[in-house]
Protein backbone atom coordinates (compact mmCIF):
# COMPACT_ATOMS: atom_id res chain seq x y z
CA MET A 1 0.00 0.00 0.00
CA SER A 2 1.40 3.30 -1.00
CA ALA A 3 1.79 6.27 1.29
CA LYS A 4 -0.94 8.03 -0.64
CA GLU A 5 -3.39 5.16 -0.06
CA ARG A 6 -2.50 4.95 3.64
CA LYS A 7 -3.10 8.66 4.01
CA ARG A 8 -6.47 8.38 2.24
CA LYS A 9 -7.53 5.42 4.46
CA GLU A 10 -6.42 7.31 7.57
CA GLU A 11 -8.49 10.31 6.45
CA GLU A 12 -11.53 8.03 5.90
CA ARG A 13 -11.13 6.54 9.42
CA LYS A 14 -10.89 10.03 10.93
CA GLU A 15 -14.01 11.07 9.02
CA ARG A 16 -15.90 7.95 10.27
CA ARG A 17 -14.78 8.61 13.86
CA ARG A 18 -15.87 12.25 13.52
CA ARG A 19 -19.30 11.18 12.22
CA LEU A 20 -19.60 8.54 14.95
CA GLY A 21 -18.62 11.16 17.51
CA TRP A 22 -21.29 13.58 16.29
CA GLY A 23 -23.78 10.72 16.11
CA LEU A 24 -22.99 9.84 19.72
CA VAL A 25 -23.35 13.50 20.75
CA ALA A 26 -26.69 13.66 18.95
CA LEU A 27 -27.84 10.40 20.57
CA VAL A 28 -26.88 11.61 24.04
CA PHE A 29 -28.54 14.97 23.40
CA VAL A 30 -31.76 13.39 22.13
CA GLY A 31 -31.74 10.78 24.88
CA THR A 32 -31.21 13.43 27.54
CA GLY A 33 -33.91 15.54 25.94
CA LEU A 34 -36.34 12.62 25.95
CA GLY A 35 -35.47 11.84 29.54
CA LEU A 36 -36.01 15.47 30.45
CA TRP A 37 -39.30 15.54 28.53
CA GLN A 38 -40.46 12.33 30.21
CA SER A 39 -39.41 13.69 33.57
CA GLN A 40 -41.25 16.98 32.96
CA SER A 41 -44.24 15.09 31.61
CA GLN A 42 -44.29 12.86 34.68
CA ARG A 43 -44.00 15.88 36.98
CA GLY A 44 -46.84 17.54 35.07
CA GLU A 45 -49.05 14.49 35.51
CA GLU A 46 -48.20 14.34 39.22
CA ALA A 47 -49.01 18.05 39.62
CA LEU A 48 -52.32 17.54 37.80
CA THR A 49 -53.23 14.56 39.97
CA GLU A 50 -52.31 16.52 43.09
CA ALA A 51 -54.40 19.54 42.02
CA LEU A 52 -57.42 17.30 41.42
CA ARG A 53 -56.89 15.47 44.72
CA ARG A 54 -56.63 18.68 46.72
CA GLY A 55 -59.63 20.16 44.93
CA ASP A 56 -61.67 17.05 45.76
CA ALA A 57 -60.63 17.20 49.42
CA LEU A 58 -61.62 20.86 49.68
CA LEU A 59 -64.89 20.18 47.88
CA ALA A 60 -65.68 17.40 50.37
CA GLN A 61 -65.12 19.94 53.17
CA GLY A 62 -67.49 22.40 51.52
CA GLN A 63 -64.70 24.86 50.66
CA MET A 64 -65.98 25.55 47.17
CA ASP A 65 -63.90 28.62 46.31
CA GLN A 66 -60.65 26.94 47.38
CA ALA A 67 -61.60 23.77 45.49
CA ALA A 68 -62.27 25.85 42.38
CA LEU A 69 -58.74 27.28 42.58
CA TYR A 70 -57.25 23.78 42.43
CA PHE A 71 -59.57 22.70 39.63
CA ARG A 72 -58.61 25.82 37.66
CA ARG A 73 -54.98 24.88 38.20
CA ALA A 74 -55.71 21.39 36.90
CA VAL A 75 -57.29 22.92 33.78
CA GLU A 76 -54.19 25.10 33.30
CA LEU A 77 -51.91 22.07 33.66
CA ASP A 78 -53.87 20.00 31.16
CA PRO A 79 -56.60 21.82 29.24
CA ASP A 80 -57.33 18.57 27.38
CA ARG A 81 -58.39 16.71 30.53
CA ALA A 82 -62.19 16.38 30.56
CA GLU A 83 -62.21 15.46 34.25
CA ALA A 84 -60.60 18.76 35.24
CA TRP A 85 -63.21 20.76 33.30
CA THR A 86 -66.02 18.66 34.78
CA ARG A 87 -64.88 19.22 38.35
CA LEU A 88 -64.49 22.95 37.78
CA ALA A 89 -68.00 23.07 36.31
CA SER A 90 -69.38 21.06 39.23
CA VAL A 91 -68.18 23.69 41.70
CA ASP A 92 -69.98 26.39 39.73
CA ALA A 93 -73.16 24.31 39.52
CA ALA A 94 -73.03 23.44 43.23
CA GLN A 95 -72.95 27.16 43.99
CA GLY A 96 -75.94 27.80 41.73
CA ARG A 97 -73.83 29.40 39.00
CA PHE A 98 -75.37 27.31 36.27
CA ALA A 99 -74.62 29.73 33.43
CA GLU A 100 -70.91 29.66 34.36
CA SER A 101 -70.88 25.85 34.57
CA ILE A 102 -72.29 25.23 31.09
CA PRO A 103 -69.21 26.21 29.01
CA HIS A 104 -66.99 24.09 31.28
CA TYR A 105 -69.24 21.06 30.85
CA GLU A 106 -69.38 21.69 27.11
CA ARG A 107 -65.58 21.78 26.96
CA ALA A 108 -65.39 18.48 28.87
CA LEU A 109 -67.86 16.91 26.46
CA ALA A 110 -65.95 18.23 23.44
CA LEU A 111 -62.96 16.31 24.81
CA ALA A 112 -64.89 13.21 25.91
CA PRO A 113 -68.42 12.99 24.44
CA ASP A 114 -69.37 9.98 26.58
CA HIS A 115 -68.25 11.53 29.87
CA PHE A 116 -71.27 10.70 32.02
CA GLU A 117 -70.67 13.20 34.81
CA ALA A 118 -70.19 16.03 32.32
CA ARG A 119 -73.33 15.01 30.43
CA ILE A 120 -75.54 14.94 33.53
CA GLY A 121 -73.89 18.12 34.83
CA LEU A 122 -74.60 19.92 31.57
CA ALA A 123 -78.24 18.82 31.75
CA ILE A 124 -78.51 20.11 35.33
CA GLY A 125 -76.90 23.42 34.33
CA GLN A 126 -79.23 23.83 31.36
CA ASP A 127 -82.20 22.96 33.55
CA GLY A 128 -80.99 25.57 36.05
CA VAL A 129 -80.98 28.36 33.45
CA GLY A 130 -84.29 27.33 31.92
CA GLU A 131 -82.94 25.70 28.74
CA PHE A 132 -85.44 22.86 29.14
CA LEU A 133 -85.23 21.34 25.65
CA ALA A 134 -81.44 21.17 25.76
CA ALA A 135 -81.57 19.79 29.31
CA GLU A 136 -84.09 17.13 28.25
CA GLU A 137 -81.82 16.08 25.37
CA ASN A 138 -78.81 15.78 27.67
CA TYR A 139 -80.75 13.87 30.34
CA LYS A 140 -81.78 11.41 27.62
CA ARG A 141 -78.19 11.11 26.42
CA ALA A 142 -77.11 10.46 30.02
CA ILE A 143 -79.80 7.75 30.26
CA TYR A 144 -78.31 6.19 27.13
CA LEU A 145 -74.89 6.16 28.84
CA ARG A 146 -76.19 4.73 32.14
CA PRO A 147 -79.72 3.41 31.77
CA ARG A 148 -79.87 2.02 35.31
CA PHE A 149 -78.94 5.27 37.08
CA ALA A 150 -82.18 6.22 38.86
CA GLU A 151 -81.23 9.81 39.62
CA ILE A 152 -81.31 10.75 35.93
CA TYR A 153 -84.93 9.64 35.65
CA TYR A 154 -85.74 11.63 38.78
CA ASN A 155 -84.09 14.76 37.32
CA LEU A 156 -85.89 14.28 34.01
CA ALA A 157 -89.17 13.82 35.87
CA TYR A 158 -88.59 17.05 37.77
CA LEU A 159 -87.80 18.83 34.50
CA TYR A 160 -91.13 17.64 33.07
CA GLN A 161 -92.92 18.63 36.26
CA GLN A 162 -91.54 22.18 35.98
CA GLN A 163 -93.02 22.36 32.50
CA ARG A 164 -96.36 20.97 33.72
CA LEU A 165 -95.91 17.82 31.64
CA TYR A 166 -97.33 15.73 34.47
CA ALA A 167 -97.92 12.45 32.62
CA ASP A 168 -94.31 12.45 31.42
CA ALA A 169 -93.13 13.39 34.90
CA VAL A 170 -95.05 10.53 36.52
CA ALA A 171 -93.59 8.02 34.06
CA GLN A 172 -90.05 9.16 34.85
CA TYR A 173 -90.65 9.20 38.63
CA GLU A 174 -91.98 5.64 38.37
CA LYS A 175 -88.89 4.56 36.44
CA ALA A 176 -86.66 6.17 39.08
CA LEU A 177 -88.51 4.29 41.85
CA GLU A 178 -88.31 1.04 39.91
CA LEU A 179 -84.52 1.37 39.70
CA LYS A 180 -84.04 2.27 43.37
């Protein structure tokens, strides 16, 4: 092998080592980045879970305004989490702020159309602001999701009673009693 060929082969080896070196740097960088992303993602999930847990605890103690703060935080941490929107809406509804609860329930249902608690909550909110036809539709959709849940029939019966649709109300009250 001539000196010229040896020099060319040496240059090729150097170039391969350089590429391997940069490849290793890239691999370490990407791997570290993924680890960091997973770590941040895990911390985010833990923070979300903690916000929901604390909100639930405060809600159970009747501290609605404090619970709402934690549920708002949960929504900020993950605006695509239907459960966070539903819990925030539930605080509003529990305080009689039905108009404020409706967009939160709607957001939860946009994320998870079969979310039972959001569906029944939306119906209750609509009932509370006098949107009886929309409430009736959502009560019926909730019945479709959980046909053996007696409280929905009771709520639907009360909705009919408010509208003086007594025969319909009686039928729904009877169904609620049958399921209890």
